[in-house]
Protein backbone atom coordinates (compact mmCIF):
# COMPACT_ATOMS: atom_id res chain seq x y z
CA MET A 1 -17.06 5.58 8.57
CA GLU A 2 -15.35 2.23 9.43
CA ILE A 3 -12.40 1.74 7.90
CA GLY A 4 -9.59 -1.17 8.00
CA VAL A 5 -6.46 -1.52 6.85
CA VAL A 6 -4.61 -4.39 4.92
CA ILE A 7 -0.94 -4.73 4.41
CA PRO A 8 0.45 -7.30 2.46
CA ALA A 9 3.86 -7.96 4.14
CA ALA A 10 4.69 -11.39 2.47
CA GLY A 11 7.18 -10.00 0.17
CA VAL A 12 10.60 -10.87 -0.56
CA GLY A 13 12.26 -8.40 -2.00
CA LYS A 14 13.98 -10.07 -5.00
CA ARG A 15 15.68 -6.70 -5.86
CA MET A 16 16.75 -5.32 -2.71
CA ASN A 17 19.64 -8.21 -2.27
CA SER A 18 19.98 -8.98 0.84
CA ILE A 19 18.36 -11.71 2.43
CA THR A 20 16.32 -9.88 5.03
CA PRO A 21 13.01 -9.45 3.75
CA LYS A 22 12.90 -5.43 3.12
CA GLN A 23 9.48 -5.41 5.28
CA PHE A 24 12.14 -6.31 8.04
CA LEU A 25 15.20 -4.33 7.16
CA GLU A 26 15.45 -1.07 9.30
CA LEU A 27 15.95 2.56 8.90
CA PHE A 28 17.27 4.35 12.28
CA GLY A 29 16.80 2.18 13.95
CA LYS A 30 13.49 0.70 13.36
CA PRO A 31 12.03 -1.44 10.73
CA ILE A 32 10.06 -0.69 7.74
CA LEU A 33 6.72 -2.74 8.06
CA ILE A 34 7.10 -0.72 11.91
CA HIS A 35 7.12 3.20 10.15
CA THR A 36 3.87 1.37 8.14
CA LEU A 37 2.43 0.38 10.72
CA GLU A 38 2.54 3.35 13.13
CA VAL A 39 1.44 5.42 10.23
CA PHE A 40 -2.30 4.16 10.71
CA ASP A 41 -2.30 2.63 14.31
CA GLU A 42 -2.37 6.43 15.21
CA HIS A 43 -5.31 7.59 12.45
CA PRO A 44 -8.22 8.23 14.53
CA PHE A 45 -10.21 7.30 11.10
CA ILE A 46 -8.81 3.95 11.42
CA THR A 47 -10.09 0.85 12.54
CA GLU A 48 -8.29 -2.07 13.06
CA ILE A 49 -5.27 -3.31 10.98
CA ASN A 50 -4.90 -7.13 9.41
CA VAL A 51 -1.28 -7.21 8.44
CA VAL A 52 -0.01 -10.29 5.90
CA THR A 53 2.85 -12.30 6.13
CA ASN A 54 4.30 -15.73 5.29
CA GLN A 55 3.72 -17.94 7.79
CA GLU A 56 7.47 -18.13 8.30
CA ASN A 57 7.38 -14.80 9.55
CA VAL A 58 4.13 -14.53 11.55
CA LYS A 59 5.49 -15.06 14.71
CA GLN A 60 8.13 -12.34 13.95
CA VAL A 61 5.49 -10.09 13.27
CA GLU A 62 3.81 -10.74 15.97
CA LYS A 63 6.45 -9.95 17.95
CA LEU A 64 7.57 -6.62 16.54
CA ILE A 65 3.57 -5.37 16.75
CA ARG A 66 4.20 -6.30 20.65
CA LYS A 67 7.42 -4.78 21.04
CA TYR A 68 6.14 -1.05 19.47
CA ASN A 69 2.90 -1.67 21.24
CA LEU A 70 0.36 -1.63 18.35
CA LYS A 71 -3.55 -1.35 19.76
CA LYS A 72 -5.10 -1.28 16.17
CA VAL A 73 -3.68 -5.05 14.49
CA LYS A 74 -6.41 -7.10 15.10
CA GLN A 75 -4.45 -9.76 13.38
CA VAL A 76 -1.35 -11.38 11.13
CA VAL A 77 -2.98 -13.52 8.69
CA ARG A 78 -1.02 -16.04 6.57
CA GLY A 79 -0.86 -15.14 3.12
CA GLY A 80 -0.82 -16.92 -0.23
CA LYS A 81 1.38 -17.80 -3.42
CA GLU A 82 1.45 -13.87 -4.74
CA ARG A 83 0.61 -10.63 -3.41
CA GLN A 84 -3.56 -10.96 -4.79
CA ASP A 85 -4.05 -13.91 -2.81
CA SER A 86 -2.67 -12.27 0.61
CA VAL A 87 -4.79 -9.27 0.03
CA TYR A 88 -7.42 -11.68 -0.82
CA ALA A 89 -6.75 -13.68 2.96
CA GLY A 90 -6.45 -9.69 3.99
CA VAL A 91 -9.94 -8.77 3.06
CA VAL A 92 -11.90 -11.62 4.60
CA ALA A 93 -10.62 -10.99 7.83
CA THR A 94 -10.83 -8.14 8.21
CA GLN A 95 -14.76 -7.08 8.99
CA THR A 96 -15.53 -3.15 8.64
CA GLU A 97 -17.75 -2.52 6.03
CA TRP A 98 -14.52 0.19 4.07
CA VAL A 99 -11.37 -1.44 3.96
CA MET A 100 -7.86 -0.06 2.71
CA VAL A 101 -4.35 -1.26 0.92
CA HIS A 102 -1.22 -0.64 1.80
CA ASP A 103 2.41 -1.59 0.85
CA ALA A 104 3.85 -2.27 4.12
CA VAL A 105 7.12 -1.21 2.22
CA ARG A 106 5.73 2.09 1.18
CA ALA A 107 6.79 3.55 5.05
CA PHE A 108 6.28 7.70 4.49
CA VAL A 109 2.61 7.82 3.65
CA THR A 110 1.27 10.52 5.76
CA ALA A 111 -1.48 11.08 8.07
CA ALA A 112 -2.55 13.82 5.86
CA GLU A 113 -2.77 12.04 2.64
CA ILE A 114 -5.20 9.19 3.93
CA SER A 115 -7.50 11.55 4.96
CA ALA A 116 -7.33 13.14 1.52
CA LEU A 117 -8.07 9.43 0.50
CA ILE A 118 -10.50 8.98 3.02
CA ARG A 119 -13.08 12.00 2.36
CA ALA A 120 -12.71 10.88 -1.73
CA VAL A 121 -15.05 7.67 -0.65
CA ASN A 122 -18.85 8.24 -0.10
CA ASP A 123 -22.19 6.52 -1.23
CA GLN A 124 -21.44 6.94 -4.92
CA GLN A 125 -17.82 7.02 -4.86
CA LEU A 126 -16.83 3.26 -3.81
CA ALA A 127 -12.81 2.99 -4.84
CA ALA A 128 -10.21 5.69 -4.74
CA THR A 129 -6.61 5.28 -4.73
CA LEU A 130 -3.32 7.96 -4.30
CA ALA A 131 -1.75 8.67 -7.06
CA VAL A 132 1.11 10.93 -8.75
CA PRO A 133 0.96 13.18 -12.24
CA ILE A 134 3.81 11.31 -14.05
CA LYS A 135 6.61 13.98 -14.55
CA ASP A 136 8.63 11.99 -17.36
CA THR A 137 7.59 11.43 -21.02
CA ILE A 138 6.66 7.91 -21.86
CA LYS A 139 6.27 6.64 -24.91
CA ARG A 140 5.45 3.19 -25.92
CA VAL A 141 7.33 0.74 -27.89
CA ASN A 142 7.81 -2.49 -29.31
CA HIS A 143 8.75 -6.25 -28.93
CA ALA A 144 12.23 -4.30 -30.77
CA LYS A 145 12.17 -1.48 -28.62
CA ILE A 146 11.30 1.01 -30.85
CA VAL A 147 8.99 3.94 -30.57
CA VAL A 148 5.75 3.56 -31.05
CA GLU A 149 4.36 6.76 -29.32
CA THR A 150 3.97 8.89 -27.30
CA LEU A 151 1.98 9.30 -24.39
CA GLU A 152 -0.08 12.55 -22.90
CA ARG A 153 1.42 12.95 -20.17
CA GLU A 154 -1.21 15.20 -18.60
CA GLN A 155 -3.24 12.33 -18.64
CA LEU A 156 -1.45 9.83 -16.53
CA TRP A 157 -1.00 9.33 -13.03
CA SER A 158 1.86 6.89 -11.17
CA ILE A 159 -0.48 5.10 -9.46
CA GLN A 160 0.25 4.89 -5.17
CA THR A 161 -1.04 3.14 -2.43
CA PRO A 162 -3.17 2.83 0.03
CA GLN A 163 -6.41 2.19 -1.46
CA LEU A 164 -9.42 2.36 -0.25
CA PHE A 165 -12.65 -0.11 -1.21
CA HIS A 166 -16.14 -0.23 -0.19
CA ARG A 167 -15.92 -4.19 1.08
CA LYS A 168 -18.39 -5.48 -0.72
CA ILE A 169 -16.63 -4.62 -4.08
CA LEU A 170 -13.11 -5.50 -2.76
CA LEU A 171 -14.77 -8.98 -2.36
CA ASP A 172 -16.47 -9.05 -5.69
CA ALA A 173 -13.49 -7.98 -7.35
CA HIS A 174 -10.97 -10.79 -5.74
CA GLN A 175 -13.45 -13.38 -6.33
CA TYR A 176 -14.11 -11.58 -10.09
CA ALA A 177 -10.98 -12.23 -10.80
CA GLU A 178 -10.30 -15.47 -9.82
CA GLU A 179 -13.07 -16.82 -11.51
CA GLN A 180 -11.86 -15.39 -14.71
CA ASN A 181 -8.23 -16.18 -13.65
CA LEU A 182 -7.36 -12.25 -13.98
CA VAL A 183 -4.14 -11.30 -12.16
CA GLY A 184 -4.05 -7.50 -11.79
CA THR A 185 -1.51 -5.22 -10.81
CA ASP A 186 -3.44 -3.67 -8.49
CA ASP A 187 -6.09 -3.66 -6.03
CA ALA A 188 -7.79 -0.24 -8.07
CA MET A 189 -7.36 -3.01 -11.47
CA LEU A 190 -9.57 -5.54 -9.79
CA VAL A 191 -12.54 -3.35 -9.25
CA GLU A 192 -12.21 -2.05 -12.84
CA ASN A 193 -12.20 -5.18 -13.99
CA LEU A 194 -16.18 -4.71 -12.48
CA SER A 195 -16.52 -0.87 -14.13
CA ILE A 196 -16.68 0.07 -10.81
CA PRO A 197 -14.81 3.59 -11.78
CA VAL A 198 -11.72 4.68 -8.88
CA LYS A 199 -11.37 7.76 -7.81
CA VAL A 200 -7.28 9.66 -8.66
CA VAL A 201 -6.72 11.63 -5.17
CA GLU A 202 -3.39 13.75 -5.79
CA GLY A 203 -0.71 12.27 -2.85
CA ALA A 204 3.17 13.04 -2.99
CA TYR A 205 6.44 11.62 -4.22
CA THR A 206 7.19 11.37 -1.23
CA ASN A 207 4.93 8.40 -0.39
CA LEU A 208 7.94 6.48 -2.66
CA LYS A 209 7.97 2.23 -2.27
CA ILE A 210 11.17 0.80 -0.86
CA THR A 211 12.10 -1.83 -3.70
CA THR A 212 16.20 -1.30 -4.21
CA PRO A 213 19.40 0.18 -1.86
CA GLU A 214 18.92 3.36 -3.53
CA ASP A 215 15.35 3.31 -2.38
CA ILE A 216 16.42 3.14 1.47
CA LEU A 217 18.58 6.26 0.76
CA LEU A 218 15.61 8.22 -0.22
CA GLY A 219 13.40 6.84 2.69
CA GLU A 220 16.32 8.25 4.94
CA THR A 221 17.09 11.36 3.51
CA ILE A 222 12.54 11.63 3.86
CA LEU A 223 12.79 10.72 7.46
CA ALA A 224 15.70 12.65 8.80
CA LYS A 225 13.61 15.62 7.30
CA ARG A 226 10.17 14.52 9.05
CA MET A 227 12.29 14.06 12.13
CA LYS A 228 14.28 17.75 12.10
CA GLY A 229 11.59 19.19 10.82
CA SER A 230 9.46 17.87 14.10
CA GLU A 231 12.21 19.34 16.49
CA GLN A 232 11.92 22.46 14.86
CA THR A 233 8.17 22.96 15.82
CA THR A 234 8.27 21.64 19.25
């Protein structure tokens, strides 16, 4: 199956408290965005990659792609006002039958996790997402911050990316959302609006999204451990 990847990288990272967008912050001397792109560039089942970013960052992203010799990046697409708009622009630019959407700053996904997601889709299962079971007890509260109910933890999952969809399904979902003025917190939510089942594939807690300065420290720890493990196997 031909699989294209859309990497929305137009965020400004307000919670990072940095003037540099978080996708360009470095881990061990390499931008977070590049750590992310390399995983997909090296995966044998990925055909093409399209990066979506702000107009002012297009040249910077193109320069990084050339510097790190990323062979599968097809183009850098100008993003929209919101993440949803940017993803749609990236999906339109992608011509493969299947499209995977992945956060630019979720740099620690592994090839094995990507492969597991790919195995989950077929002619009957048109959408899937990585996720992990919730560890904490989750409570729903009212406007006064009073507990209304305690939710069944066994049924709750924390959704991650990548998410994988048949391209036509994803395009239909985005177009329907635009027509109905719907905003989704992720692309799976948009597909759910079409009553299409989304398969959950268990991922890993290390597949974190770098959002705050504390996440940088966690990310460095994850990478250091992986680098050490790689050295020990060579």
